[in-house]
Amino acid sequence: MADVYGSDQIYHGSISGLGSGTGSAFSLLPAQNATGNWIKVVQRVPVKITLNADELKAHPLRIGLSMEVKVDTQDQSGPTLAQTPRTSSLSSTKAFERPVSESEALVKKIINSN
């Protein structure tokens, strides 16, 4: 359900992909509790949902809309994500193409300017 249409329009689709991890997994400085008491914090994993094309034509979506999503985990009749052929790589990075010394110099520059 999209906030722009309210409960009048319900979209149907299927999960077609999962993110590689939560945002904190790729954070330069992941949050850690300094007191030694570990608190469970909900982490969000990006989920790609392929929506019904006819429903999207009738009620187009725009970037930035809020959505309310319900996933039926009881229906497991479709292929698992591992069985679904990938059309592109799951993730890639160019972080290791530069020498570490350049990254360290940039980190020092940022710290010194703040």
PDB file of N, CA and C in Angstrom:
ATOM      1  N   MET A   1       0.851  -1.160   0.000  1.00  0.00           N
ATOM      2  CA  MET A   1       0.000   0.000   0.000  1.00  0.00           C
ATOM      3  C   MET A   1       0.906   1.235   0.000  1.00  0.00           C
ATOM      4  N   ALA A   2       0.694   2.160  -0.912  1.00  0.00           N
ATOM      5  CA  ALA A   2       1.477   3.386  -1.013  1.00  0.00           C
ATOM      6  C   ALA A   2       0.740   4.527  -0.327  1.00  0.00           C
ATOM      7  N   ASP A   3       1.491   5.408   0.324  1.00  0.00           N
ATOM      8  CA  ASP A   3       0.849   6.509   1.035  1.00  0.00           C
ATOM      9  C   ASP A   3       0.068   7.434   0.100  1.00  0.00           C
ATOM     10  N   VAL A   4       0.478   7.542  -1.149  1.00  0.00           N
ATOM     11  CA  VAL A   4      -0.187   8.445  -2.083  1.00  0.00           C
ATOM     12  C   VAL A   4      -1.591   7.957  -2.471  1.00  0.00           C
ATOM     13  N   TYR A   5      -1.819   6.644  -2.465  1.00  0.00           N
ATOM     14  CA  TYR A   5      -3.118   6.085  -2.839  1.00  0.00           C
ATOM     15  C   TYR A   5      -3.924   5.610  -1.630  1.00  0.00           C
ATOM     16  N   GLY A   6      -3.293   5.489  -0.491  1.00  0.00           N
ATOM     17  CA  GLY A   6      -3.988   5.005   0.696  1.00  0.00           C
ATOM     18  C   GLY A   6      -4.333   3.529   0.567  1.00  0.00           C
ATOM     19  N   SER A   7      -5.319   3.107   1.339  1.00  0.00           N
ATOM     20  CA  SER A   7      -5.674   1.687   1.359  1.00  0.00           C
ATOM     21  C   SER A   7      -6.546   1.293   0.158  1.00  0.00           C
ATOM     22  N   ASP A   8      -6.850   2.248  -0.732  1.00  0.00           N
ATOM     23  CA  ASP A   8      -7.667   1.939  -1.913  1.00  0.00           C
ATOM     24  C   ASP A   8      -6.919   1.074  -2.925  1.00  0.00           C
ATOM     25  N   GLN A   9      -5.596   1.192  -2.974  1.00  0.00           N
ATOM     26  CA  GLN A   9      -4.804   0.449  -3.962  1.00  0.00           C
ATOM     27  C   GLN A   9      -3.817  -0.463  -3.247  1.00  0.00           C
ATOM     28  N   ILE A  10      -3.939  -1.749  -3.510  1.00  0.00           N
ATOM     29  CA  ILE A  10      -3.004  -2.728  -2.958  1.00  0.00           C
ATOM     30  C   ILE A  10      -2.247  -3.343  -4.126  1.00  0.00           C
ATOM     31  N   TYR A  11      -0.921  -3.372  -4.008  1.00  0.00           N
ATOM     32  CA  TYR A  11      -0.055  -3.952  -5.035  1.00  0.00           C
ATOM     33  C   TYR A  11       0.260  -5.398  -4.671  1.00  0.00           C
ATOM     34  N   HIS A  12       0.503  -6.197  -5.691  1.00  0.00           N
ATOM     35  CA  HIS A  12       0.885  -7.594  -5.490  1.00  0.00           C
ATOM     36  C   HIS A  12       2.217  -7.823  -6.180  1.00  0.00           C
ATOM     37  N   GLY A  13       3.044  -8.662  -5.597  1.00  0.00           N
ATOM     38  CA  GLY A  13       4.343  -8.935  -6.181  1.00  0.00           C
ATOM     39  C   GLY A  13       5.003 -10.114  -5.509  1.00  0.00           C
ATOM     40  N   SER A  14       6.268 -10.297  -5.829  1.00  0.00           N
ATOM     41  CA  SER A  14       7.035 -11.381  -5.217  1.00  0.00           C
ATOM     42  C   SER A  14       8.449 -10.894  -4.934  1.00  0.00           C
ATOM     43  N   ILE A  15       9.066 -11.490  -3.929  1.00  0.00           N
ATOM     44  CA  ILE A  15      10.433 -11.117  -3.568  1.00  0.00           C
ATOM     45  C   ILE A  15      11.374 -11.654  -4.642  1.00  0.00           C
ATOM     46  N   SER A  16      12.182 -10.759  -5.210  1.00  0.00           N
ATOM     47  CA  SER A  16      13.092 -11.170  -6.272  1.00  0.00           C
ATOM     48  C   SER A  16      14.554 -10.936  -5.916  1.00  0.00           C
ATOM     49  N   GLY A  17      14.817 -10.462  -4.704  1.00  0.00           N
ATOM     50  CA  GLY A  17      16.203 -10.276  -4.308  1.00  0.00           C
ATOM     51  C   GLY A  17      16.328  -9.782  -2.880  1.00  0.00           C
ATOM     52  N   LEU A  18      17.484 -10.051  -2.285  1.00  0.00           N
ATOM     53  CA  LEU A  18      17.806  -9.569  -0.939  1.00  0.00           C
ATOM     54  C   LEU A  18      19.133  -8.850  -0.999  1.00  0.00           C
ATOM     55  N   GLY A  19      19.289  -7.825  -0.160  1.00  0.00           N
ATOM     56  CA  GLY A  19      20.550  -7.112  -0.085  1.00  0.00           C
ATOM     57  C   GLY A  19      21.639  -7.980   0.525  1.00  0.00           C
ATOM     58  N   SER A  20      22.882  -7.565   0.341  1.00  0.00           N
ATOM     59  CA  SER A  20      24.020  -8.331   0.860  1.00  0.00           C
ATOM     60  C   SER A  20      24.130  -8.273   2.365  1.00  0.00           C
ATOM     61  N   GLY A  21      23.556  -7.256   2.979  1.00  0.00           N
ATOM     62  CA  GLY A  21      23.609  -7.110   4.425  1.00  0.00           C
ATOM     63  C   GLY A  21      22.970  -5.804   4.834  1.00  0.00           C
ATOM     64  N   THR A  22      22.998  -5.545   6.119  1.00  0.00           N
ATOM     65  CA  THR A  22      22.413  -4.305   6.630  1.00  0.00           C
ATOM     66  C   THR A  22      23.359  -3.147   6.365  1.00  0.00           C
ATOM     67  N   GLY A  23      22.864  -1.939   6.539  1.00  0.00           N
ATOM     68  CA  GLY A  23      23.697  -0.756   6.336  1.00  0.00           C
ATOM     69  C   GLY A  23      24.890  -0.732   7.270  1.00  0.00           C
ATOM     70  N   SER A  24      24.709  -1.206   8.504  1.00  0.00           N
ATOM     71  CA  SER A  24      25.810  -1.176   9.469  1.00  0.00           C
ATOM     72  C   SER A  24      26.925  -2.160   9.099  1.00  0.00           C
ATOM     73  N   ALA A  25      26.594  -3.185   8.329  1.00  0.00           N
ATOM     74  CA  ALA A  25      27.617  -4.159   7.931  1.00  0.00           C
ATOM     75  C   ALA A  25      28.656  -3.513   7.020  1.00  0.00           C
ATOM     76  N   PHE A  26      28.262  -2.455   6.312  1.00  0.00           N
ATOM     77  CA  PHE A  26      29.164  -1.794   5.373  1.00  0.00           C
ATOM     78  C   PHE A  26      29.608  -0.423   5.877  1.00  0.00           C
ATOM     79  N   SER A  27      29.307  -0.113   7.138  1.00  0.00           N
ATOM     80  CA  SER A  27      29.641   1.179   7.712  1.00  0.00           C
ATOM     81  C   SER A  27      31.132   1.264   8.010  1.00  0.00           C
ATOM     82  N   LEU A  28      31.704   2.447   7.792  1.00  0.00           N
ATOM     83  CA  LEU A  28      33.122   2.655   8.101  1.00  0.00           C
ATOM     84  C   LEU A  28      33.365   2.493   9.598  1.00  0.00           C
ATOM     85  N   LEU A  29      32.465   3.051  10.410  1.00  0.00           N
ATOM     86  CA  LEU A  29      32.542   2.935  11.867  1.00  0.00           C
ATOM     87  C   LEU A  29      31.216   2.394  12.386  1.00  0.00           C
ATOM     88  N   PRO A  30      31.043   1.067  12.406  1.00  0.00           N
ATOM     89  CA  PRO A  30      29.766   0.515  12.865  1.00  0.00           C
ATOM     90  C   PRO A  30      29.513   0.835  14.338  1.00  0.00           C
ATOM     91  N   ALA A  31      28.259   1.045  14.661  1.00  0.00           N
ATOM     92  CA  ALA A  31      27.896   1.380  16.043  1.00  0.00           C
ATOM     93  C   ALA A  31      28.177   0.196  16.958  1.00  0.00           C
ATOM     94  N   GLN A  32      28.806   0.487  18.101  1.00  0.00           N
ATOM     95  CA  GLN A  32      29.046  -0.525  19.121  1.00  0.00           C
ATOM     96  C   GLN A  32      28.791   0.117  20.476  1.00  0.00           C
ATOM     97  N   ASN A  33      28.178  -0.617  21.353  1.00  0.00           N
ATOM     98  CA  ASN A  33      27.871  -0.102  22.675  1.00  0.00           C
ATOM     99  C   ASN A  33      29.146  -0.158  23.520  1.00  0.00           C
ATOM    100  N   ALA A  34      29.595   0.991  24.026  1.00  0.00           N
ATOM    101  CA  ALA A  34      30.869   1.074  24.752  1.00  0.00           C
ATOM    102  C   ALA A  34      30.790   0.535  26.178  1.00  0.00           C
ATOM    103  N   THR A  35      29.605   0.299  26.705  1.00  0.00           N
ATOM    104  CA  THR A  35      29.477  -0.140  28.094  1.00  0.00           C
ATOM    105  C   THR A  35      29.688  -1.638  28.268  1.00  0.00           C
ATOM    106  N   GLY A  36      29.716  -2.371  27.189  1.00  0.00           N
ATOM    107  CA  GLY A  36      29.861  -3.811  27.294  1.00  0.00           C
ATOM    108  C   GLY A  36      28.528  -4.531  27.306  1.00  0.00           C
ATOM    109  N   ASN A  37      27.447  -3.788  27.422  1.00  0.00           N
ATOM    110  CA  ASN A  37      26.119  -4.392  27.373  1.00  0.00           C
ATOM    111  C   ASN A  37      25.629  -4.353  25.934  1.00  0.00           C
ATOM    112  N   TRP A  38      25.461  -5.507  25.353  1.00  0.00           N
ATOM    113  CA  TRP A  38      25.027  -5.553  23.955  1.00  0.00           C
ATOM    114  C   TRP A  38      23.509  -5.550  23.906  1.00  0.00           C
ATOM    115  N   ILE A  39      22.972  -4.639  23.152  1.00  0.00           N
ATOM    116  CA  ILE A  39      21.539  -4.485  23.005  1.00  0.00           C
ATOM    117  C   ILE A  39      21.168  -4.863  21.590  1.00  0.00           C
ATOM    118  N   LYS A  40      20.158  -5.687  21.450  1.00  0.00           N
ATOM    119  CA  LYS A  40      19.702  -6.100  20.125  1.00  0.00           C
ATOM    120  C   LYS A  40      19.027  -4.917  19.448  1.00  0.00           C
ATOM    121  N   VAL A  41      19.551  -4.505  18.306  1.00  0.00           N
ATOM    122  CA  VAL A  41      18.992  -3.405  17.539  1.00  0.00           C
ATOM    123  C   VAL A  41      18.468  -3.970  16.226  1.00  0.00           C
ATOM    124  N   VAL A  42      17.265  -3.604  15.871  1.00  0.00           N
ATOM    125  CA  VAL A  42      16.681  -4.087  14.625  1.00  0.00           C
ATOM    126  C   VAL A  42      17.491  -3.540  13.449  1.00  0.00           C
ATOM    127  N   GLN A  43      17.879  -4.405  12.565  1.00  0.00           N
ATOM    128  CA  GLN A  43      18.623  -4.018  11.366  1.00  0.00           C
ATOM    129  C   GLN A  43      17.750  -4.287  10.147  1.00  0.00           C
ATOM    130  N   ARG A  44      17.793  -3.408   9.188  1.00  0.00           N
ATOM    131  CA  ARG A  44      16.994  -3.575   7.974  1.00  0.00           C
ATOM    132  C   ARG A  44      17.856  -4.111   6.848  1.00  0.00           C
ATOM    133  N   VAL A  45      17.374  -5.149   6.208  1.00  0.00           N
ATOM    134  CA  VAL A  45      18.033  -5.720   5.039  1.00  0.00           C
ATOM    135  C   VAL A  45      17.208  -5.309   3.821  1.00  0.00           C
ATOM    136  N   PRO A  46      17.834  -4.692   2.815  1.00  0.00           N
ATOM    137  CA  PRO A  46      17.080  -4.302   1.629  1.00  0.00           C
ATOM    138  C   PRO A  46      16.471  -5.520   0.934  1.00  0.00           C
ATOM    139  N   VAL A  47      15.209  -5.410   0.555  1.00  0.00           N
ATOM    140  CA  VAL A  47      14.492  -6.479  -0.130  1.00  0.00           C
ATOM    141  C   VAL A  47      13.970  -5.929  -1.450  1.00  0.00           C
ATOM    142  N   LYS A  48      14.244  -6.632  -2.540  1.00  0.00           N
ATOM    143  CA  LYS A  48      13.742  -6.219  -3.855  1.00  0.00           C
ATOM    144  C   LYS A  48      12.450  -6.980  -4.131  1.00  0.00           C
ATOM    145  N   ILE A  49      11.379  -6.232  -4.364  1.00  0.00           N
ATOM    146  CA  ILE A  49      10.078  -6.830  -4.644  1.00  0.00           C
ATOM    147  C   ILE A  49       9.660  -6.450  -6.055  1.00  0.00           C
ATOM    148  N   THR A  50       9.383  -7.439  -6.877  1.00  0.00           N
ATOM    149  CA  THR A  50       8.897  -7.206  -8.234  1.00  0.00           C
ATOM    150  C   THR A  50       7.378  -7.127  -8.180  1.00  0.00           C
ATOM    151  N   LEU A  51       6.854  -5.964  -8.581  1.00  0.00           N
ATOM    152  CA  LEU A  51       5.411  -5.725  -8.499  1.00  0.00           C
ATOM    153  C   LEU A  51       4.717  -6.073  -9.808  1.00  0.00           C
ATOM    154  N   ASN A  52       3.406  -6.320  -9.726  1.00  0.00           N
ATOM    155  CA  ASN A  52       2.577  -6.624 -10.881  1.00  0.00           C
ATOM    156  C   ASN A  52       2.588  -5.427 -11.828  1.00  0.00           C
ATOM    157  N   ALA A  53       2.980  -5.638 -13.083  1.00  0.00           N
ATOM    158  CA  ALA A  53       3.131  -4.558 -14.066  1.00  0.00           C
ATOM    159  C   ALA A  53       1.808  -3.857 -14.366  1.00  0.00           C
ATOM    160  N   ASP A  54       0.704  -4.589 -14.426  1.00  0.00           N
ATOM    161  CA  ASP A  54      -0.597  -3.976 -14.716  1.00  0.00           C
ATOM    162  C   ASP A  54      -1.020  -3.036 -13.591  1.00  0.00           C
ATOM    163  N   GLU A  55      -0.754  -3.423 -12.347  1.00  0.00           N
ATOM    164  CA  GLU A  55      -1.094  -2.567 -11.212  1.00  0.00           C
ATOM    165  C   GLU A  55      -0.255  -1.287 -11.220  1.00  0.00           C
ATOM    166  N   LEU A  56       1.014  -1.414 -11.626  1.00  0.00           N
ATOM    167  CA  LEU A  56       1.880  -0.237 -11.700  1.00  0.00           C
ATOM    168  C   LEU A  56       1.451   0.721 -12.816  1.00  0.00           C
ATOM    169  N   LYS A  57       0.973   0.155 -13.944  1.00  0.00           N
ATOM    170  CA  LYS A  57       0.484   1.020 -15.031  1.00  0.00           C
ATOM    171  C   LYS A  57      -0.731   1.808 -14.587  1.00  0.00           C
ATOM    172  N   ALA A  58      -1.622   1.152 -13.872  1.00  0.00           N
ATOM    173  CA  ALA A  58      -2.853   1.803 -13.426  1.00  0.00           C
ATOM    174  C   ALA A  58      -2.589   2.810 -12.297  1.00  0.00           C
ATOM    175  N   HIS A  59      -1.625   2.512 -11.445  1.00  0.00           N
ATOM    176  CA  HIS A  59      -1.312   3.376 -10.301  1.00  0.00           C
ATOM    177  C   HIS A  59       0.207   3.478 -10.172  1.00  0.00           C
ATOM    178  N   PRO A  60       0.839   4.359 -10.967  1.00  0.00           N
ATOM    179  CA  PRO A  60       2.307   4.461 -10.947  1.00  0.00           C
ATOM    180  C   PRO A  60       2.846   4.938  -9.602  1.00  0.00           C
ATOM    181  N   LEU A  61       4.041   4.462  -9.291  1.00  0.00           N
ATOM    182  CA  LEU A  61       4.721   4.871  -8.064  1.00  0.00           C
ATOM    183  C   LEU A  61       5.832   5.854  -8.400  1.00  0.00           C
ATOM    184  N   ARG A  62       6.208   6.664  -7.421  1.00  0.00           N
ATOM    185  CA  ARG A  62       7.287   7.627  -7.589  1.00  0.00           C
ATOM    186  C   ARG A  62       8.332   7.398  -6.502  1.00  0.00           C
ATOM    187  N   ILE A  63       9.526   7.877  -6.736  1.00  0.00           N
ATOM    188  CA  ILE A  63      10.600   7.765  -5.745  1.00  0.00           C
ATOM    189  C   ILE A  63      10.223   8.566  -4.509  1.00  0.00           C
ATOM    190  N   GLY A  64      10.486   8.012  -3.352  1.00  0.00           N
ATOM    191  CA  GLY A  64      10.283   8.709  -2.091  1.00  0.00           C
ATOM    192  C   GLY A  64       8.958   8.420  -1.407  1.00  0.00           C
ATOM    193  N   LEU A  65       8.106   7.614  -2.018  1.00  0.00           N
ATOM    194  CA  LEU A  65       6.833   7.290  -1.387  1.00  0.00           C
ATOM    195  C   LEU A  65       7.049   6.325  -0.225  1.00  0.00           C
ATOM    196  N   SER A  66       6.211   6.440   0.778  1.00  0.00           N
ATOM    197  CA  SER A  66       6.234   5.474   1.875  1.00  0.00           C
ATOM    198  C   SER A  66       5.313   4.317   1.511  1.00  0.00           C
ATOM    199  N   MET A  67       5.749   3.111   1.821  1.00  0.00           N
ATOM    200  CA  MET A  67       4.973   1.921   1.504  1.00  0.00           C
ATOM    201  C   MET A  67       4.755   1.104   2.767  1.00  0.00           C
ATOM    202  N   GLU A  68       3.615   0.476   2.855  1.00  0.00           N
ATOM    203  CA  GLU A  68       3.358  -0.503   3.905  1.00  0.00           C
ATOM    204  C   GLU A  68       3.360  -1.854   3.219  1.00  0.00           C
ATOM    205  N   VAL A  69       4.249  -2.744   3.652  1.00  0.00           N
ATOM    206  CA  VAL A  69       4.451  -4.017   2.961  1.00  0.00           C
ATOM    207  C   VAL A  69       4.166  -5.172   3.906  1.00  0.00           C
ATOM    208  N   LYS A  70       3.454  -6.154   3.414  1.00  0.00           N
ATOM    209  CA  LYS A  70       3.233  -7.400   4.146  1.00  0.00           C
ATOM    210  C   LYS A  70       3.722  -8.532   3.254  1.00  0.00           C
ATOM    211  N   VAL A  71       4.509  -9.426   3.825  1.00  0.00           N
ATOM    212  CA  VAL A  71       5.056 -10.550   3.076  1.00  0.00           C
ATOM    213  C   VAL A  71       4.458 -11.833   3.633  1.00  0.00           C
ATOM    214  N   ASP A  72       3.847 -12.608   2.760  1.00  0.00           N
ATOM    215  CA  ASP A  72       3.270 -13.893   3.146  1.00  0.00           C
ATOM    216  C   ASP A  72       4.377 -14.945   3.088  1.00  0.00           C
ATOM    217  N   THR A  73       4.863 -15.343   4.240  1.00  0.00           N
ATOM    218  CA  THR A  73       5.936 -16.344   4.277  1.00  0.00           C
ATOM    219  C   THR A  73       5.395 -17.767   4.247  1.00  0.00           C
ATOM    220  N   GLN A  74       4.077 -17.924   4.307  1.00  0.00           N
ATOM    221  CA  GLN A  74       3.474 -19.252   4.252  1.00  0.00           C
ATOM    222  C   GLN A  74       3.516 -19.820   2.836  1.00  0.00           C
ATOM    223  N   ASP A  75       3.366 -18.942   1.827  1.00  0.00           N
ATOM    224  CA  ASP A  75       3.380 -19.389   0.433  1.00  0.00           C
ATOM    225  C   ASP A  75       4.825 -19.523  -0.027  1.00  0.00           C
ATOM    226  N   GLN A  76       5.323 -20.738  -0.099  1.00  0.00           N
ATOM    227  CA  GLN A  76       6.701 -20.985  -0.513  1.00  0.00           C
ATOM    228  C   GLN A  76       6.736 -21.767  -1.817  1.00  0.00           C
ATOM    229  N   SER A  77       5.727 -21.513  -2.673  1.00  0.00           N
ATOM    230  CA  SER A  77       5.589 -22.281  -3.905  1.00  0.00           C
ATOM    231  C   SER A  77       6.558 -21.846  -4.998  1.00  0.00           C
ATOM    232  N   GLY A  78       7.071 -20.627  -4.928  1.00  0.00           N
ATOM    233  CA  GLY A  78       7.971 -20.143  -5.972  1.00  0.00           C
ATOM    234  C   GLY A  78       9.387 -20.644  -5.775  1.00  0.00           C
ATOM    235  N   PRO A  79      10.290 -20.323  -6.712  1.00  0.00           N
ATOM    236  CA  PRO A  79      11.687 -20.745  -6.568  1.00  0.00           C
ATOM    237  C   PRO A  79      12.359 -19.970  -5.433  1.00  0.00           C
ATOM    238  N   THR A  80      13.343 -20.584  -4.788  1.00  0.00           N
ATOM    239  CA  THR A  80      14.114 -19.876  -3.774  1.00  0.00           C
ATOM    240  C   THR A  80      15.041 -18.888  -4.484  1.00  0.00           C
ATOM    241  N   LEU A  81      15.535 -17.909  -3.748  1.00  0.00           N
ATOM    242  CA  LEU A  81      16.421 -16.932  -4.363  1.00  0.00           C
ATOM    243  C   LEU A  81      17.687 -17.584  -4.900  1.00  0.00           C
ATOM    244  N   ALA A  82      18.142 -18.659  -4.254  1.00  0.00           N
ATOM    245  CA  ALA A  82      19.339 -19.354  -4.722  1.00  0.00           C
ATOM    246  C   ALA A  82      19.094 -20.011  -6.080  1.00  0.00           C
ATOM    247  N   GLN A  83      17.848 -20.357  -6.377  1.00  0.00           N
ATOM    248  CA  GLN A  83      17.520 -20.996  -7.654  1.00  0.00           C
ATOM    249  C   GLN A  83      17.229 -19.980  -8.754  1.00  0.00           C
ATOM    250  N   THR A  84      17.053 -18.718  -8.386  1.00  0.00           N
ATOM    251  CA  THR A  84      16.718 -17.681  -9.358  1.00  0.00           C
ATOM    252  C   THR A  84      17.993 -17.221 -10.051  1.00  0.00           C
ATOM    253  N   PRO A  85      18.020 -17.264 -11.397  1.00  0.00           N
ATOM    254  CA  PRO A  85      19.239 -16.841 -12.097  1.00  0.00           C
ATOM    255  C   PRO A  85      19.499 -15.348 -11.906  1.00  0.00           C
ATOM    256  N   ARG A  86      20.757 -15.001 -11.652  1.00  0.00           N
ATOM    257  CA  ARG A  86      21.137 -13.606 -11.462  1.00  0.00           C
ATOM    258  C   ARG A  86      21.485 -12.980 -12.801  1.00  0.00           C
ATOM    259  N   THR A  87      21.054 -11.749 -12.978  1.00  0.00           N
ATOM    260  CA  THR A  87      21.393 -11.027 -14.201  1.00  0.00           C
ATOM    261  C   THR A  87      22.562 -10.081 -13.970  1.00  0.00           C
ATOM    262  N   SER A  88      22.927  -9.857 -12.708  1.00  0.00           N
ATOM    263  CA  SER A  88      24.068  -9.001 -12.388  1.00  0.00           C
ATOM    264  C   SER A  88      24.694  -9.485 -11.084  1.00  0.00           C
ATOM    265  N   SER A  89      25.871  -8.954 -10.784  1.00  0.00           N
ATOM    266  CA  SER A  89      26.535  -9.364  -9.553  1.00  0.00           C
ATOM    267  C   SER A  89      25.773  -8.830  -8.347  1.00  0.00           C
ATOM    268  N   LEU A  90      25.859  -9.546  -7.229  1.00  0.00           N
ATOM    269  CA  LEU A  90      25.166  -9.128  -6.016  1.00  0.00           C
ATOM    270  C   LEU A  90      25.713  -7.821  -5.483  1.00  0.00           C
ATOM    271  N   SER A  91      27.013  -7.692  -5.479  1.00  0.00           N
ATOM    272  CA  SER A  91      27.618  -6.462  -4.992  1.00  0.00           C
ATOM    273  C   SER A  91      29.023  -6.339  -5.554  1.00  0.00           C
ATOM    274  N   SER A  92      29.500  -5.131  -5.590  1.00  0.00           N
ATOM    275  CA  SER A  92      30.864  -4.902  -6.044  1.00  0.00           C
ATOM    276  C   SER A  92      31.387  -3.650  -5.356  1.00  0.00           C
ATOM    277  N   THR A  93      32.688  -3.531  -5.300  1.00  0.00           N
ATOM    278  CA  THR A  93      33.304  -2.360  -4.676  1.00  0.00           C
ATOM    279  C   THR A  93      34.564  -1.992  -5.422  1.00  0.00           C
ATOM    280  N   LYS A  94      34.868  -0.711  -5.402  1.00  0.00           N
ATOM    281  CA  LYS A  94      36.123  -0.218  -5.969  1.00  0.00           C
ATOM    282  C   LYS A  94      37.043   0.238  -4.847  1.00  0.00           C
ATOM    283  N   ALA A  95      36.678  -0.130  -3.606  1.00  0.00           N
ATOM    284  CA  ALA A  95      37.412   0.339  -2.430  1.00  0.00           C
ATOM    285  C   ALA A  95      38.865  -0.121  -2.420  1.00  0.00           C
ATOM    286  N   PHE A  96      39.152  -1.244  -3.024  1.00  0.00           N
ATOM    287  CA  PHE A  96      40.503  -1.788  -2.950  1.00  0.00           C
ATOM    288  C   PHE A  96      41.338  -1.490  -4.186  1.00  0.00           C
ATOM    289  N   GLU A  97      40.827  -0.634  -5.082  1.00  0.00           N
ATOM    290  CA  GLU A  97      41.580  -0.285  -6.283  1.00  0.00           C
ATOM    291  C   GLU A  97      42.658   0.750  -5.990  1.00  0.00           C
ATOM    292  N   ARG A  98      42.520   1.514  -4.911  1.00  0.00           N
ATOM    293  CA  ARG A  98      43.509   2.518  -4.524  1.00  0.00           C
ATOM    294  C   ARG A  98      44.373   1.981  -3.390  1.00  0.00           C
ATOM    295  N   PRO A  99      45.593   2.491  -3.277  1.00  0.00           N
ATOM    296  CA  PRO A  99      46.443   2.069  -2.152  1.00  0.00           C
ATOM    297  C   PRO A  99      45.838   2.500  -0.813  1.00  0.00           C
ATOM    298  N   VAL A 100      46.075   1.715   0.224  1.00  0.00           N
ATOM    299  CA  VAL A 100      45.549   1.997   1.557  1.00  0.00           C
ATOM    300  C   VAL A 100      46.076   3.341   2.054  1.00  0.00           C
ATOM    301  N   SER A 101      47.296   3.712   1.685  1.00  0.00           N
ATOM    302  CA  SER A 101      47.876   4.975   2.158  1.00  0.00           C
ATOM    303  C   SER A 101      47.037   6.172   1.722  1.00  0.00           C
ATOM    304  N   GLU A 102      46.414   6.123   0.535  1.00  0.00           N
ATOM    305  CA  GLU A 102      45.543   7.213   0.078  1.00  0.00           C
ATOM    306  C   GLU A 102      44.309   7.311   0.971  1.00  0.00           C
ATOM    307  N   SER A 103      43.756   6.176   1.334  1.00  0.00           N
ATOM    308  CA  SER A 103      42.583   6.165   2.215  1.00  0.00           C
ATOM    309  C   SER A 103      42.940   6.696   3.588  1.00  0.00           C
ATOM    310  N   GLU A 104      44.085   6.292   4.121  1.00  0.00           N
ATOM    311  CA  GLU A 104      44.511   6.759   5.437  1.00  0.00           C
ATOM    312  C   GLU A 104      44.741   8.269   5.429  1.00  0.00           C
ATOM    313  N   ALA A 105      45.317   8.789   4.352  1.00  0.00           N
ATOM    314  CA  ALA A 105      45.543  10.231   4.246  1.00  0.00           C
ATOM    315  C   ALA A 105      44.218  10.983   4.204  1.00  0.00           C
ATOM    316  N   LEU A 106      43.238  10.437   3.490  1.00  0.00           N
ATOM    317  CA  LEU A 106      41.919  11.068   3.416  1.00  0.00           C
ATOM    318  C   LEU A 106      41.234  11.053   4.780  1.00  0.00           C
ATOM    319  N   VAL A 107      41.346   9.960   5.514  1.00  0.00           N
ATOM    320  CA  VAL A 107      40.752   9.867   6.851  1.00  0.00           C
ATOM    321  C   VAL A 107      41.398  10.904   7.770  1.00  0.00           C
ATOM    322  N   LYS A 108      42.726  11.043   7.738  1.00  0.00           N
ATOM    323  CA  LYS A 108      43.415  12.032   8.571  1.00  0.00           C
ATOM    324  C   LYS A 108      42.971  13.448   8.218  1.00  0.00           C
ATOM    325  N   LYS A 109      42.802  13.717   6.936  1.00  0.00           N
ATOM    326  CA  LYS A 109      42.369  15.045   6.482  1.00  0.00           C
ATOM    327  C   LYS A 109      40.987  15.374   7.020  1.00  0.00           C
ATOM    328  N   ILE A 110      40.076  14.401   6.949  1.00  0.00           N
ATOM    329  CA  ILE A 110      38.709  14.596   7.445  1.00  0.00           C
ATOM    330  C   ILE A 110      38.719  14.830   8.950  1.00  0.00           C
ATOM    331  N   ILE A 111      39.493  14.039   9.681  1.00  0.00           N
ATOM    332  CA  ILE A 111      39.559  14.180  11.139  1.00  0.00           C
ATOM    333  C   ILE A 111      40.137  15.539  11.521  1.00  0.00           C
ATOM    334  N   ASN A 112      41.212  15.950  10.851  1.00  0.00           N
ATOM    335  CA  ASN A 112      41.843  17.221  11.175  1.00  0.00           C
ATOM    336  C   ASN A 112      40.951  18.423  10.851  1.00  0.00           C
ATOM    337  N   SER A 113      40.135  18.309   9.816  1.00  0.00           N
ATOM    338  CA  SER A 113      39.263  19.433   9.442  1.00  0.00           C
ATOM    339  C   SER A 113      38.056  19.546  10.363  1.00  0.00           C
ATOM    340  N   ASN A 114      37.781  18.496  11.121  1.00  0.00           N
ATOM    341  CA  ASN A 114      36.645  18.533  12.060  1.00  0.00           C
ATOM    342  C   ASN A 114      37.167  18.705  13.449  1.00  0.00           C
TER     343      ASN A 114
END
